[in-house]
Amino acid sequence: MRFAVLASGNGSNLQAMIDAVQQGRIQAELVGVISNIPDAYALQRAKDAGIRALVVDHRQFADRDAFEAEMIAVLLNWQVDVIVLAGFMRVLTANFVNRFSGQLINIHPSLLPAYKGLNTHQRVLNTGDRFHGCTVHFVTAELDSGAVIAQSVLQVCPQDNVQSLKAKIHVLEHELYPRIMGWIAAGRVALLGNQAYLDGQPLLEPVRFMHEQLMRCVK
């Protein structure tokens, strides 16, 4: 199976994917990385791993449709099976999402459907939630609303702040995203209509992983 990654920033999730492929935990090929930011470090990570790295700078196009048309052309040329969003900081239009329906996945730093959008760590702290985490889901035209595949969960501790939660969630993401990509590469996960399936059975609720170390608060 052929994966492509869309990234706008540092690319730490991309690095976790590269490591998982190199270690054989994902039986698939990372065929290329596209970034809309020319100096995104994700591009360097791709180059260092011998993966095609391409800039499609949204600022160089007349409008969003032209920008996405260029990405679509590249992805079709690469013969991509699955497109992975890894910190890609552009909202994709319905035209793009529908063109690749069932082939687009994303990871979001909250336990969806809670806290769609931005600033999830601060919102968790503001609400006083006991648990936080990240979610891998299929992408639809509605923001952070596609069928959920899996979640990883941690406990929010009294001493946590935005930075500590961000660091902890990165740990969860770097474990969860490659795991689910491995499932997809093995043919275990699919989207039929608006329903996610695992091993041929509908996922009526997400597969949840409790991070043992991060489920305990240090007193």
N, C-alpha and C. Protein backbone atom coordinates (compact mmCIF):
# COMPACT_ATOMS: atom_id res chain seq x y z
N MET A 1 0.84 -1.18 0.00
CA MET A 1 0.00 0.00 0.00
C MET A 1 0.88 1.25 0.00
N ARG A 2 0.42 2.27 -0.69
CA ARG A 2 1.22 3.47 -0.90
C ARG A 2 0.61 4.64 -0.11
N PHE A 3 1.40 5.16 0.83
CA PHE A 3 0.97 6.28 1.67
C PHE A 3 1.68 7.55 1.24
N ALA A 4 0.95 8.67 1.28
CA ALA A 4 1.56 9.99 1.16
C ALA A 4 1.17 10.79 2.39
N VAL A 5 2.04 11.70 2.79
CA VAL A 5 1.83 12.49 4.01
C VAL A 5 1.76 13.96 3.64
N LEU A 6 0.77 14.67 4.19
CA LEU A 6 0.68 16.12 4.06
C LEU A 6 1.05 16.72 5.41
N ALA A 7 2.03 17.62 5.43
CA ALA A 7 2.53 18.18 6.68
C ALA A 7 2.89 19.65 6.47
N SER A 8 2.76 20.43 7.55
CA SER A 8 3.08 21.86 7.46
C SER A 8 4.19 22.30 8.42
N GLY A 9 4.60 21.41 9.33
CA GLY A 9 5.49 21.88 10.38
C GLY A 9 6.69 20.99 10.62
N ASN A 10 6.93 20.72 11.91
CA ASN A 10 8.12 20.01 12.34
C ASN A 10 8.17 18.56 11.86
N GLY A 11 7.02 17.93 11.77
CA GLY A 11 6.98 16.57 11.23
C GLY A 11 7.33 15.49 12.22
N SER A 12 7.04 15.69 13.51
CA SER A 12 7.37 14.64 14.48
C SER A 12 6.52 13.39 14.26
N ASN A 13 5.25 13.56 13.88
CA ASN A 13 4.44 12.39 13.56
C ASN A 13 4.96 11.70 12.30
N LEU A 14 5.38 12.48 11.34
CA LEU A 14 5.99 11.89 10.14
C LEU A 14 7.21 11.06 10.51
N GLN A 15 8.04 11.56 11.42
CA GLN A 15 9.22 10.80 11.83
C GLN A 15 8.83 9.47 12.47
N ALA A 16 7.77 9.49 13.28
CA ALA A 16 7.29 8.25 13.89
C ALA A 16 6.84 7.26 12.82
N MET A 17 6.23 7.76 11.75
CA MET A 17 5.81 6.88 10.64
C MET A 17 7.02 6.32 9.91
N ILE A 18 8.00 7.19 9.63
CA ILE A 18 9.21 6.74 8.94
C ILE A 18 9.89 5.65 9.75
N ASP A 19 10.02 5.86 11.06
CA ASP A 19 10.65 4.86 11.92
C ASP A 19 9.88 3.55 11.89
N ALA A 20 8.54 3.63 11.92
CA ALA A 20 7.72 2.42 11.94
C ALA A 20 7.85 1.64 10.63
N VAL A 21 7.93 2.35 9.51
CA VAL A 21 8.13 1.67 8.23
C VAL A 21 9.50 1.00 8.19
N GLN A 22 10.52 1.73 8.62
CA GLN A 22 11.88 1.18 8.60
C GLN A 22 12.03 -0.02 9.52
N GLN A 23 11.27 -0.03 10.61
CA GLN A 23 11.33 -1.14 11.57
C GLN A 23 10.38 -2.28 11.20
N GLY A 24 9.62 -2.12 10.13
CA GLY A 24 8.72 -3.17 9.68
C GLY A 24 7.38 -3.20 10.39
N ARG A 25 7.08 -2.18 11.19
CA ARG A 25 5.79 -2.16 11.89
C ARG A 25 4.66 -1.69 10.99
N ILE A 26 4.99 -1.03 9.91
CA ILE A 26 4.02 -0.69 8.87
C ILE A 26 4.51 -1.33 7.58
N GLN A 27 3.74 -2.28 7.06
CA GLN A 27 4.12 -2.96 5.82
C GLN A 27 3.56 -2.18 4.64
N ALA A 28 4.17 -1.03 4.38
CA ALA A 28 3.70 -0.14 3.32
C ALA A 28 4.85 0.74 2.89
N GLU A 29 4.60 1.54 1.86
CA GLU A 29 5.62 2.46 1.34
C GLU A 29 5.17 3.89 1.56
N LEU A 30 6.06 4.72 2.10
CA LEU A 30 5.83 6.16 2.14
C LEU A 30 6.37 6.73 0.83
N VAL A 31 5.47 7.09 -0.07
CA VAL A 31 5.91 7.46 -1.42
C VAL A 31 6.25 8.93 -1.54
N GLY A 32 5.78 9.76 -0.62
CA GLY A 32 6.10 11.17 -0.72
C GLY A 32 5.48 11.99 0.38
N VAL A 33 6.07 13.17 0.59
CA VAL A 33 5.57 14.14 1.56
C VAL A 33 5.34 15.46 0.83
N ILE A 34 4.17 16.05 1.05
CA ILE A 34 3.85 17.36 0.49
C ILE A 34 3.69 18.34 1.64
N SER A 35 4.30 19.50 1.50
CA SER A 35 4.11 20.56 2.47
C SER A 35 3.74 21.86 1.76
N ASN A 36 2.86 22.62 2.39
CA ASN A 36 2.52 23.95 1.86
C ASN A 36 3.47 25.02 2.38
N ILE A 37 4.40 24.63 3.26
CA ILE A 37 5.36 25.57 3.84
C ILE A 37 6.76 25.20 3.36
N PRO A 38 7.43 26.07 2.59
CA PRO A 38 8.71 25.70 1.98
C PRO A 38 9.80 25.29 2.96
N ASP A 39 9.82 25.89 4.17
CA ASP A 39 10.88 25.56 5.12
C ASP A 39 10.41 24.63 6.24
N ALA A 40 9.31 23.94 6.03
CA ALA A 40 8.83 22.99 7.04
C ALA A 40 9.87 21.89 7.25
N TYR A 41 10.20 21.61 8.50
CA TYR A 41 11.23 20.61 8.79
C TYR A 41 10.78 19.20 8.38
N ALA A 42 9.48 19.00 8.23
CA ALA A 42 8.98 17.71 7.75
C ALA A 42 9.61 17.35 6.40
N LEU A 43 9.86 18.34 5.57
CA LEU A 43 10.47 18.08 4.26
C LEU A 43 11.88 17.53 4.42
N GLN A 44 12.63 18.07 5.37
CA GLN A 44 13.99 17.57 5.61
C GLN A 44 13.96 16.15 6.15
N ARG A 45 13.00 15.86 7.02
CA ARG A 45 12.86 14.49 7.53
C ARG A 45 12.63 13.52 6.37
N ALA A 46 11.78 13.91 5.44
CA ALA A 46 11.51 13.05 4.28
C ALA A 46 12.78 12.85 3.45
N LYS A 47 13.48 13.93 3.16
CA LYS A 47 14.71 13.83 2.36
C LYS A 47 15.73 12.93 3.05
N ASP A 48 15.87 13.08 4.36
CA ASP A 48 16.85 12.27 5.10
C ASP A 48 16.52 10.78 5.02
N ALA A 49 15.23 10.47 4.84
CA ALA A 49 14.80 9.07 4.76
C ALA A 49 14.71 8.58 3.32
N GLY A 50 15.10 9.43 2.35
CA GLY A 50 15.05 9.02 0.96
C GLY A 50 13.65 9.03 0.37
N ILE A 51 12.77 9.86 0.94
CA ILE A 51 11.38 9.95 0.48
C ILE A 51 11.21 11.25 -0.30
N ARG A 52 10.43 11.20 -1.38
CA ARG A 52 10.17 12.40 -2.15
C ARG A 52 9.57 13.49 -1.25
N ALA A 53 10.09 14.70 -1.38
CA ALA A 53 9.61 15.83 -0.59
C ALA A 53 9.27 16.96 -1.56
N LEU A 54 8.03 17.41 -1.53
CA LEU A 54 7.56 18.39 -2.51
C LEU A 54 6.87 19.55 -1.81
N VAL A 55 7.19 20.76 -2.23
CA VAL A 55 6.50 21.96 -1.74
C VAL A 55 5.40 22.33 -2.72
N VAL A 56 4.18 22.46 -2.18
CA VAL A 56 3.06 23.06 -2.93
C VAL A 56 2.60 24.23 -2.08
N ASP A 57 3.19 25.38 -2.33
CA ASP A 57 2.97 26.58 -1.51
C ASP A 57 1.63 27.20 -1.85
N HIS A 58 0.71 27.18 -0.90
CA HIS A 58 -0.64 27.70 -1.17
C HIS A 58 -0.62 29.18 -1.55
N ARG A 59 0.42 29.89 -1.15
CA ARG A 59 0.50 31.33 -1.44
C ARG A 59 0.82 31.61 -2.90
N GLN A 60 1.23 30.59 -3.63
CA GLN A 60 1.58 30.76 -5.03
C GLN A 60 0.42 30.48 -5.98
N PHE A 61 -0.75 30.24 -5.42
CA PHE A 61 -1.92 29.91 -6.25
C PHE A 61 -2.99 30.98 -6.09
N ALA A 62 -3.78 31.14 -7.13
CA ALA A 62 -4.79 32.21 -7.14
C ALA A 62 -5.87 31.98 -6.11
N ASP A 63 -6.20 30.72 -5.86
CA ASP A 63 -7.25 30.43 -4.89
C ASP A 63 -7.06 29.00 -4.36
N ARG A 64 -7.94 28.63 -3.42
CA ARG A 64 -7.84 27.32 -2.78
C ARG A 64 -8.04 26.18 -3.77
N ASP A 65 -8.96 26.38 -4.72
CA ASP A 65 -9.22 25.33 -5.71
C ASP A 65 -7.99 25.03 -6.55
N ALA A 66 -7.28 26.09 -6.95
CA ALA A 66 -6.08 25.88 -7.77
C ALA A 66 -4.99 25.19 -6.96
N PHE A 67 -4.85 25.57 -5.70
CA PHE A 67 -3.87 24.94 -4.80
C PHE A 67 -4.17 23.45 -4.65
N GLU A 68 -5.43 23.12 -4.39
CA GLU A 68 -5.79 21.72 -4.20
C GLU A 68 -5.70 20.93 -5.50
N ALA A 69 -5.99 21.58 -6.63
CA ALA A 69 -5.89 20.89 -7.91
C ALA A 69 -4.46 20.42 -8.16
N GLU A 70 -3.49 21.25 -7.76
CA GLU A 70 -2.09 20.84 -7.90
C GLU A 70 -1.77 19.65 -7.01
N MET A 71 -2.24 19.68 -5.76
CA MET A 71 -2.00 18.54 -4.87
C MET A 71 -2.67 17.27 -5.39
N ILE A 72 -3.89 17.41 -5.89
CA ILE A 72 -4.60 16.25 -6.44
C ILE A 72 -3.81 15.63 -7.59
N ALA A 73 -3.30 16.49 -8.47
CA ALA A 73 -2.53 15.99 -9.62
C ALA A 73 -1.29 15.22 -9.16
N VAL A 74 -0.60 15.74 -8.15
CA VAL A 74 0.59 15.08 -7.63
C VAL A 74 0.23 13.73 -7.00
N LEU A 75 -0.80 13.73 -6.18
CA LEU A 75 -1.19 12.50 -5.48
C LEU A 75 -1.64 11.42 -6.46
N LEU A 76 -2.35 11.82 -7.49
CA LEU A 76 -2.76 10.85 -8.51
C LEU A 76 -1.54 10.33 -9.28
N ASN A 77 -0.58 11.21 -9.56
CA ASN A 77 0.64 10.79 -10.25
C ASN A 77 1.44 9.81 -9.40
N TRP A 78 1.42 10.03 -8.07
CA TRP A 78 2.13 9.13 -7.17
C TRP A 78 1.36 7.82 -6.94
N GLN A 79 0.14 7.73 -7.44
CA GLN A 79 -0.69 6.52 -7.28
C GLN A 79 -0.85 6.16 -5.80
N VAL A 80 -1.29 7.14 -5.06
CA VAL A 80 -1.41 7.01 -3.60
C VAL A 80 -2.67 6.24 -3.23
N ASP A 81 -2.53 5.33 -2.26
CA ASP A 81 -3.69 4.61 -1.72
C ASP A 81 -4.29 5.33 -0.52
N VAL A 82 -3.44 5.90 0.33
CA VAL A 82 -3.89 6.55 1.56
C VAL A 82 -3.12 7.86 1.73
N ILE A 83 -3.86 8.91 2.12
CA ILE A 83 -3.26 10.22 2.39
C ILE A 83 -3.36 10.48 3.88
N VAL A 84 -2.23 10.76 4.50
CA VAL A 84 -2.16 10.93 5.95
C VAL A 84 -1.89 12.40 6.25
N LEU A 85 -2.79 13.02 7.02
CA LEU A 85 -2.59 14.40 7.45
C LEU A 85 -1.80 14.39 8.75
N ALA A 86 -0.66 15.06 8.74
CA ALA A 86 0.21 15.07 9.92
C ALA A 86 0.62 16.52 10.20
N GLY A 87 -0.27 17.23 10.89
CA GLY A 87 0.01 18.63 11.16
C GLY A 87 -0.09 19.47 9.91
N PHE A 88 -1.03 19.14 9.02
CA PHE A 88 -1.24 19.92 7.80
C PHE A 88 -2.22 21.04 8.13
N MET A 89 -1.73 22.28 8.08
CA MET A 89 -2.48 23.40 8.63
C MET A 89 -3.25 24.17 7.55
N ARG A 90 -3.91 23.41 6.69
CA ARG A 90 -4.83 24.01 5.72
C ARG A 90 -6.13 23.22 5.77
N VAL A 91 -7.24 23.91 5.83
CA VAL A 91 -8.54 23.24 5.79
C VAL A 91 -8.80 22.81 4.35
N LEU A 92 -9.09 21.53 4.17
CA LEU A 92 -9.32 20.99 2.84
C LEU A 92 -10.79 21.15 2.45
N THR A 93 -11.03 21.47 1.19
CA THR A 93 -12.39 21.69 0.73
C THR A 93 -13.11 20.35 0.54
N ALA A 94 -14.44 20.45 0.41
CA ALA A 94 -15.25 19.26 0.16
C ALA A 94 -14.83 18.59 -1.14
N ASN A 95 -14.43 19.37 -2.12
CA ASN A 95 -14.01 18.80 -3.41
C ASN A 95 -12.81 17.88 -3.22
N PHE A 96 -11.81 18.32 -2.47
CA PHE A 96 -10.63 17.50 -2.23
C PHE A 96 -10.98 16.28 -1.40
N VAL A 97 -11.70 16.50 -0.31
CA VAL A 97 -12.02 15.40 0.60
C VAL A 97 -12.86 14.34 -0.10
N ASN A 98 -13.85 14.76 -0.86
CA ASN A 98 -14.71 13.81 -1.54
C ASN A 98 -13.97 13.06 -2.64
N ARG A 99 -12.97 13.73 -3.23
CA ARG A 99 -12.18 13.06 -4.27
C ARG A 99 -11.42 11.87 -3.70
N PHE A 100 -11.03 11.96 -2.44
CA PHE A 100 -10.26 10.89 -1.80
C PHE A 100 -11.03 10.27 -0.62
N SER A 101 -12.33 10.21 -0.72
CA SER A 101 -13.15 9.67 0.37
C SER A 101 -12.72 8.25 0.73
N GLY A 102 -12.53 8.02 2.03
CA GLY A 102 -12.09 6.71 2.50
C GLY A 102 -10.59 6.51 2.41
N GLN A 103 -9.88 7.50 1.85
CA GLN A 103 -8.42 7.40 1.70
C GLN A 103 -7.68 8.44 2.53
N LEU A 104 -8.41 9.26 3.26
CA LEU A 104 -7.83 10.36 4.03
C LEU A 104 -7.98 10.10 5.51
N ILE A 105 -6.87 10.14 6.26
CA ILE A 105 -6.95 10.01 7.71
C ILE A 105 -6.22 11.17 8.37
N ASN A 106 -6.61 11.44 9.61
CA ASN A 106 -6.05 12.55 10.37
C ASN A 106 -5.92 12.12 11.83
N ILE A 107 -5.03 12.80 12.56
CA ILE A 107 -4.97 12.63 14.01
C ILE A 107 -5.27 13.97 14.65
N HIS A 108 -6.12 13.95 15.67
CA HIS A 108 -6.57 15.17 16.33
C HIS A 108 -6.27 15.08 17.82
N PRO A 109 -5.74 16.16 18.42
CA PRO A 109 -5.35 16.11 19.83
C PRO A 109 -6.49 16.31 20.82
N SER A 110 -7.49 15.46 20.72
CA SER A 110 -8.56 15.41 21.72
C SER A 110 -9.27 14.08 21.56
N LEU A 111 -10.15 13.79 22.50
CA LEU A 111 -10.98 12.59 22.42
C LEU A 111 -12.27 12.97 21.71
N LEU A 112 -12.22 12.98 20.38
CA LEU A 112 -13.40 13.35 19.61
C LEU A 112 -14.59 12.47 19.99
N PRO A 113 -15.80 13.06 19.97
CA PRO A 113 -16.18 14.34 19.38
C PRO A 113 -15.93 15.57 20.26
N ALA A 114 -15.30 15.40 21.42
CA ALA A 114 -15.02 16.56 22.27
C ALA A 114 -13.90 17.41 21.67
N TYR A 115 -14.05 18.71 21.76
CA TYR A 115 -13.00 19.67 21.44
C TYR A 115 -12.49 19.57 19.99
N LYS A 116 -13.43 19.70 19.07
CA LYS A 116 -13.01 19.85 17.67
C LYS A 116 -12.32 21.20 17.51
N GLY A 117 -11.46 21.30 16.51
CA GLY A 117 -10.81 22.57 16.25
C GLY A 117 -9.52 22.74 17.03
N LEU A 118 -9.19 23.99 17.34
CA LEU A 118 -7.90 24.35 17.90
C LEU A 118 -7.92 24.48 19.43
N ASN A 119 -6.74 24.66 20.00
CA ASN A 119 -6.56 24.96 21.44
C ASN A 119 -7.18 23.88 22.34
N THR A 120 -7.03 22.63 21.96
CA THR A 120 -7.69 21.55 22.70
C THR A 120 -7.15 21.41 24.11
N HIS A 121 -5.85 21.58 24.31
CA HIS A 121 -5.26 21.38 25.64
C HIS A 121 -5.80 22.43 26.62
N GLN A 122 -5.85 23.67 26.19
CA GLN A 122 -6.37 24.71 27.07
C GLN A 122 -7.83 24.49 27.37
N ARG A 123 -8.58 24.03 26.41
CA ARG A 123 -10.02 23.79 26.62
C ARG A 123 -10.25 22.64 27.60
N VAL A 124 -9.41 21.62 27.53
CA VAL A 124 -9.50 20.52 28.50
C VAL A 124 -9.22 21.04 29.91
N LEU A 125 -8.19 21.86 30.05
CA LEU A 125 -7.87 22.43 31.36
C LEU A 125 -8.99 23.35 31.86
N ASN A 126 -9.55 24.14 30.97
CA ASN A 126 -10.63 25.05 31.36
C ASN A 126 -11.85 24.31 31.87
N THR A 127 -12.10 23.15 31.28
CA THR A 127 -13.29 22.37 31.65
C THR A 127 -13.04 21.49 32.86
N GLY A 128 -11.77 21.24 33.18
CA GLY A 128 -11.45 20.39 34.32
C GLY A 128 -11.62 18.91 34.03
N ASP A 129 -11.45 18.51 32.78
CA ASP A 129 -11.61 17.09 32.41
C ASP A 129 -10.55 16.23 33.11
N ARG A 130 -10.95 15.02 33.46
CA ARG A 130 -10.01 14.07 34.07
C ARG A 130 -9.17 13.36 33.02
N PHE A 131 -9.70 13.24 31.79
CA PHE A 131 -9.00 12.47 30.76
C PHE A 131 -8.87 13.30 29.49
N HIS A 132 -7.81 13.02 28.76
CA HIS A 132 -7.51 13.71 27.52
C HIS A 132 -6.87 12.67 26.60
N GLY A 133 -6.64 13.03 25.37
CA GLY A 133 -6.01 12.06 24.49
C GLY A 133 -5.98 12.53 23.05
N CYS A 134 -5.86 11.57 22.13
CA CYS A 134 -5.83 11.88 20.71
C CYS A 134 -6.65 10.85 19.95
N THR A 135 -7.07 11.23 18.76
CA THR A 135 -8.01 10.43 17.97
C THR A 135 -7.54 10.34 16.53
N VAL A 136 -7.53 9.13 15.98
CA VAL A 136 -7.30 8.92 14.55
C VAL A 136 -8.66 8.69 13.91
N HIS A 137 -8.93 9.46 12.85
CA HIS A 137 -10.25 9.37 12.22
C HIS A 137 -10.13 9.57 10.72
N PHE A 138 -11.14 9.09 10.00
CA PHE A 138 -11.25 9.40 8.59
C PHE A 138 -11.66 10.86 8.44
N VAL A 139 -11.25 11.47 7.34
CA VAL A 139 -11.49 12.89 7.12
C VAL A 139 -12.73 13.08 6.25
N THR A 140 -13.61 13.98 6.68
CA THR A 140 -14.75 14.40 5.88
C THR A 140 -14.68 15.92 5.71
N ALA A 141 -15.62 16.45 4.96
CA ALA A 141 -15.63 17.89 4.71
C ALA A 141 -15.96 18.68 5.96
N GLU A 142 -16.61 18.05 6.94
CA GLU A 142 -16.92 18.72 8.19
C GLU A 142 -15.73 18.58 9.14
N LEU A 143 -15.30 19.67 9.73
CA LEU A 143 -14.08 19.71 10.53
C LEU A 143 -14.10 18.69 11.66
N ASP A 144 -13.09 17.82 11.69
CA ASP A 144 -12.87 16.86 12.80
C ASP A 144 -14.12 16.02 13.09
N SER A 145 -14.83 15.64 12.04
CA SER A 145 -16.10 14.94 12.24
C SER A 145 -16.19 13.59 11.54
N GLY A 146 -15.13 13.14 10.91
CA GLY A 146 -15.19 11.86 10.22
C GLY A 146 -15.22 10.68 11.18
N ALA A 147 -15.54 9.50 10.63
CA ALA A 147 -15.65 8.28 11.44
C ALA A 147 -14.35 8.02 12.19
N VAL A 148 -14.51 7.78 13.49
CA VAL A 148 -13.34 7.57 14.36
C VAL A 148 -12.89 6.12 14.30
N ILE A 149 -11.57 5.92 14.24
CA ILE A 149 -10.99 4.57 14.24
C ILE A 149 -10.51 4.20 15.63
N ALA A 150 -9.66 5.03 16.21
CA ALA A 150 -9.06 4.67 17.51
C ALA A 150 -8.67 5.93 18.28
N GLN A 151 -8.54 5.74 19.60
CA GLN A 151 -8.13 6.82 20.49
C GLN A 151 -7.10 6.30 21.49
N SER A 152 -6.23 7.20 21.92
CA SER A 152 -5.31 6.90 23.01
C SER A 152 -5.56 7.89 24.12
N VAL A 153 -5.58 7.40 25.37
CA VAL A 153 -6.10 8.17 26.50
C VAL A 153 -5.04 8.32 27.58
N LEU A 154 -5.01 9.51 28.19
CA LEU A 154 -4.18 9.73 29.37
C LEU A 154 -4.98 10.43 30.44
N GLN A 155 -4.45 10.44 31.66
CA GLN A 155 -5.09 11.14 32.77
C GLN A 155 -4.53 12.55 32.87
N VAL A 156 -5.42 13.51 33.05
CA VAL A 156 -4.99 14.89 33.28
C VAL A 156 -4.64 15.04 34.76
N CYS A 157 -3.43 15.49 35.03
CA CYS A 157 -2.95 15.60 36.41
C CYS A 157 -3.10 17.04 36.92
N PRO A 158 -3.20 17.19 38.24
CA PRO A 158 -3.39 18.55 38.81
C PRO A 158 -2.31 19.54 38.39
N GLN A 159 -1.09 19.06 38.18
CA GLN A 159 0.01 19.96 37.85
C GLN A 159 0.13 20.22 36.34
N ASP A 160 -0.72 19.62 35.53
CA ASP A 160 -0.60 19.78 34.08
C ASP A 160 -0.93 21.20 33.64
N ASN A 161 -0.24 21.62 32.58
CA ASN A 161 -0.55 22.87 31.89
C ASN A 161 -0.58 22.59 30.40
N VAL A 162 -0.74 23.62 29.60
CA VAL A 162 -0.84 23.42 28.16
C VAL A 162 0.41 22.74 27.61
N GLN A 163 1.58 23.18 28.04
CA GLN A 163 2.82 22.62 27.50
C GLN A 163 3.02 21.16 27.91
N SER A 164 2.69 20.83 29.15
CA SER A 164 2.87 19.44 29.59
C SER A 164 1.88 18.52 28.88
N LEU A 165 0.65 18.98 28.69
CA LEU A 165 -0.33 18.16 27.96
C LEU A 165 0.08 18.00 26.50
N LYS A 166 0.58 19.06 25.92
CA LYS A 166 1.03 18.96 24.52
C LYS A 166 2.13 17.92 24.39
N ALA A 167 3.09 17.92 25.31
CA ALA A 167 4.18 16.95 25.26
C ALA A 167 3.67 15.52 25.44
N LYS A 168 2.75 15.34 26.38
CA LYS A 168 2.20 14.01 26.62
C LYS A 168 1.39 13.51 25.42
N ILE A 169 0.61 14.40 24.82
CA ILE A 169 -0.20 14.00 23.67
C ILE A 169 0.70 13.61 22.50
N HIS A 170 1.83 14.28 22.34
CA HIS A 170 2.77 13.89 21.29
C HIS A 170 3.24 12.45 21.49
N VAL A 171 3.49 12.06 22.72
CA VAL A 171 3.87 10.67 23.00
C VAL A 171 2.78 9.72 22.52
N LEU A 172 1.54 10.05 22.85
CA LEU A 172 0.41 9.20 22.43
C LEU A 172 0.30 9.15 20.91
N GLU A 173 0.42 10.32 20.26
CA GLU A 173 0.28 10.38 18.81
C GLU A 173 1.33 9.53 18.11
N HIS A 174 2.56 9.60 18.60
CA HIS A 174 3.66 8.90 17.94
C HIS A 174 3.52 7.38 18.08
N GLU A 175 2.73 6.93 19.03
CA GLU A 175 2.44 5.50 19.15
C GLU A 175 1.20 5.13 18.35
N LEU A 176 0.15 5.95 18.45
CA LEU A 176 -1.15 5.58 17.88
C LEU A 176 -1.17 5.67 16.37
N TYR A 177 -0.64 6.76 15.81
CA TYR A 177 -0.77 6.96 14.37
C TYR A 177 -0.09 5.84 13.57
N PRO A 178 1.16 5.48 13.86
CA PRO A 178 1.76 4.36 13.12
C PRO A 178 1.00 3.05 13.32
N ARG A 179 0.49 2.83 14.52
CA ARG A 179 -0.27 1.60 14.77
C ARG A 179 -1.47 1.50 13.83
N ILE A 180 -2.23 2.59 13.71
CA ILE A 180 -3.43 2.56 12.87
C ILE A 180 -3.04 2.51 11.40
N MET A 181 -1.96 3.17 11.02
CA MET A 181 -1.49 3.05 9.64
C MET A 181 -1.12 1.61 9.32
N GLY A 182 -0.54 0.92 10.29
CA GLY A 182 -0.24 -0.50 10.10
C GLY A 182 -1.49 -1.32 9.89
N TRP A 183 -2.54 -1.02 10.65
CA TRP A 183 -3.82 -1.71 10.46
C TRP A 183 -4.37 -1.47 9.05
N ILE A 184 -4.30 -0.22 8.61
CA ILE A 184 -4.82 0.11 7.28
C ILE A 184 -4.01 -0.60 6.21
N ALA A 185 -2.68 -0.57 6.35
CA ALA A 185 -1.81 -1.23 5.38
C ALA A 185 -2.08 -2.73 5.29
N ALA A 186 -2.48 -3.32 6.41
CA ALA A 186 -2.77 -4.75 6.45
C ALA A 186 -4.20 -5.07 5.99
N GLY A 187 -4.94 -4.04 5.60
CA GLY A 187 -6.30 -4.25 5.13
C GLY A 187 -7.32 -4.47 6.22
N ARG A 188 -6.98 -4.12 7.45
CA ARG A 188 -7.88 -4.36 8.58
C ARG A 188 -8.92 -3.27 8.75
N VAL A 189 -8.63 -2.07 8.27
CA VAL A 189 -9.50 -0.91 8.49
C VAL A 189 -10.03 -0.41 7.15
N ALA A 190 -11.32 -0.06 7.13
CA ALA A 190 -11.92 0.49 5.92
C ALA A 190 -13.06 1.41 6.30
N LEU A 191 -13.42 2.28 5.37
CA LEU A 191 -14.58 3.15 5.53
C LEU A 191 -15.61 2.77 4.49
N LEU A 192 -16.80 2.42 4.96
CA LEU A 192 -17.92 2.10 4.07
C LEU A 192 -19.05 3.05 4.40
N GLY A 193 -19.37 3.93 3.44
CA GLY A 193 -20.33 4.98 3.73
C GLY A 193 -19.73 5.92 4.75
N ASN A 194 -20.42 6.10 5.86
CA ASN A 194 -19.91 6.93 6.96
C ASN A 194 -19.45 6.10 8.14
N GLN A 195 -19.30 4.78 7.94
CA GLN A 195 -18.99 3.88 9.04
C GLN A 195 -17.59 3.30 8.88
N ALA A 196 -16.79 3.39 9.94
CA ALA A 196 -15.48 2.75 9.97
C ALA A 196 -15.64 1.29 10.35
N TYR A 197 -14.83 0.44 9.73
CA TYR A 197 -14.85 -0.99 10.00
C TYR A 197 -13.45 -1.45 10.39
N LEU A 198 -13.40 -2.39 11.32
CA LEU A 198 -12.16 -3.05 11.70
C LEU A 198 -12.36 -4.55 11.61
N ASP A 199 -11.53 -5.19 10.82
CA ASP A 199 -11.63 -6.65 10.61
C ASP A 199 -13.03 -7.06 10.20
N GLY A 200 -13.65 -6.25 9.35
CA GLY A 200 -14.95 -6.58 8.80
C GLY A 200 -16.13 -6.26 9.69
N GLN A 201 -15.87 -5.74 10.89
CA GLN A 201 -16.94 -5.43 11.83
C GLN A 201 -17.05 -3.92 12.01
N PRO A 202 -18.28 -3.39 12.09
CA PRO A 202 -18.43 -1.94 12.28
C PRO A 202 -17.89 -1.51 13.63
N LEU A 203 -17.19 -0.38 13.63
CA LEU A 203 -16.66 0.19 14.87
C LEU A 203 -17.75 1.07 15.47
N LEU A 204 -18.53 0.51 16.37
CA LEU A 204 -19.61 1.27 16.98
C LEU A 204 -19.08 2.28 17.98
N GLU A 205 -17.86 2.05 18.46
CA GLU A 205 -17.14 3.03 19.25
C GLU A 205 -15.65 2.85 18.95
N PRO A 206 -14.85 3.87 19.20
CA PRO A 206 -13.43 3.76 18.85
C PRO A 206 -12.71 2.67 19.64
N VAL A 207 -11.69 2.09 19.03
CA VAL A 207 -10.75 1.26 19.78
C VAL A 207 -9.97 2.21 20.68
N ARG A 208 -9.91 1.91 21.97
CA ARG A 208 -9.25 2.82 22.90
C ARG A 208 -8.04 2.14 23.55
N PHE A 209 -6.96 2.89 23.62
CA PHE A 209 -5.74 2.44 24.27
C PHE A 209 -5.48 3.35 25.46
N MET A 210 -5.26 2.76 26.61
CA MET A 210 -4.93 3.51 27.81
C MET A 210 -3.42 3.46 28.00
N HIS A 211 -2.78 4.60 27.94
CA HIS A 211 -1.32 4.64 28.10
C HIS A 211 -1.01 4.45 29.58
N GLU A 212 -0.47 3.28 29.93
CA GLU A 212 -0.31 2.91 31.34
C GLU A 212 0.50 3.94 32.11
N GLN A 213 1.61 4.38 31.57
CA GLN A 213 2.44 5.33 32.28
C GLN A 213 1.74 6.68 32.46
N LEU A 214 1.00 7.11 31.44
CA LEU A 214 0.36 8.42 31.49
C LEU A 214 -1.05 8.36 32.10
N MET A 215 -1.42 7.22 32.61
CA MET A 215 -2.69 7.11 33.34
C MET A 215 -2.50 7.29 34.83
N ARG A 216 -1.26 7.61 35.26
CA ARG A 216 -0.98 7.79 36.66
C ARG A 216 -0.39 9.18 36.89
N CYS A 217 -0.84 9.86 37.89
CA CYS A 217 -0.30 11.16 38.22
C CYS A 217 0.73 11.00 39.36
N VAL A 218 1.83 11.70 39.21
CA VAL A 218 2.86 11.68 40.25
C VAL A 218 2.46 12.65 41.36
N LYS A 219 2.43 12.16 42.58
CA LYS A 219 2.02 13.00 43.70
C LYS A 219 3.23 13.76 44.27
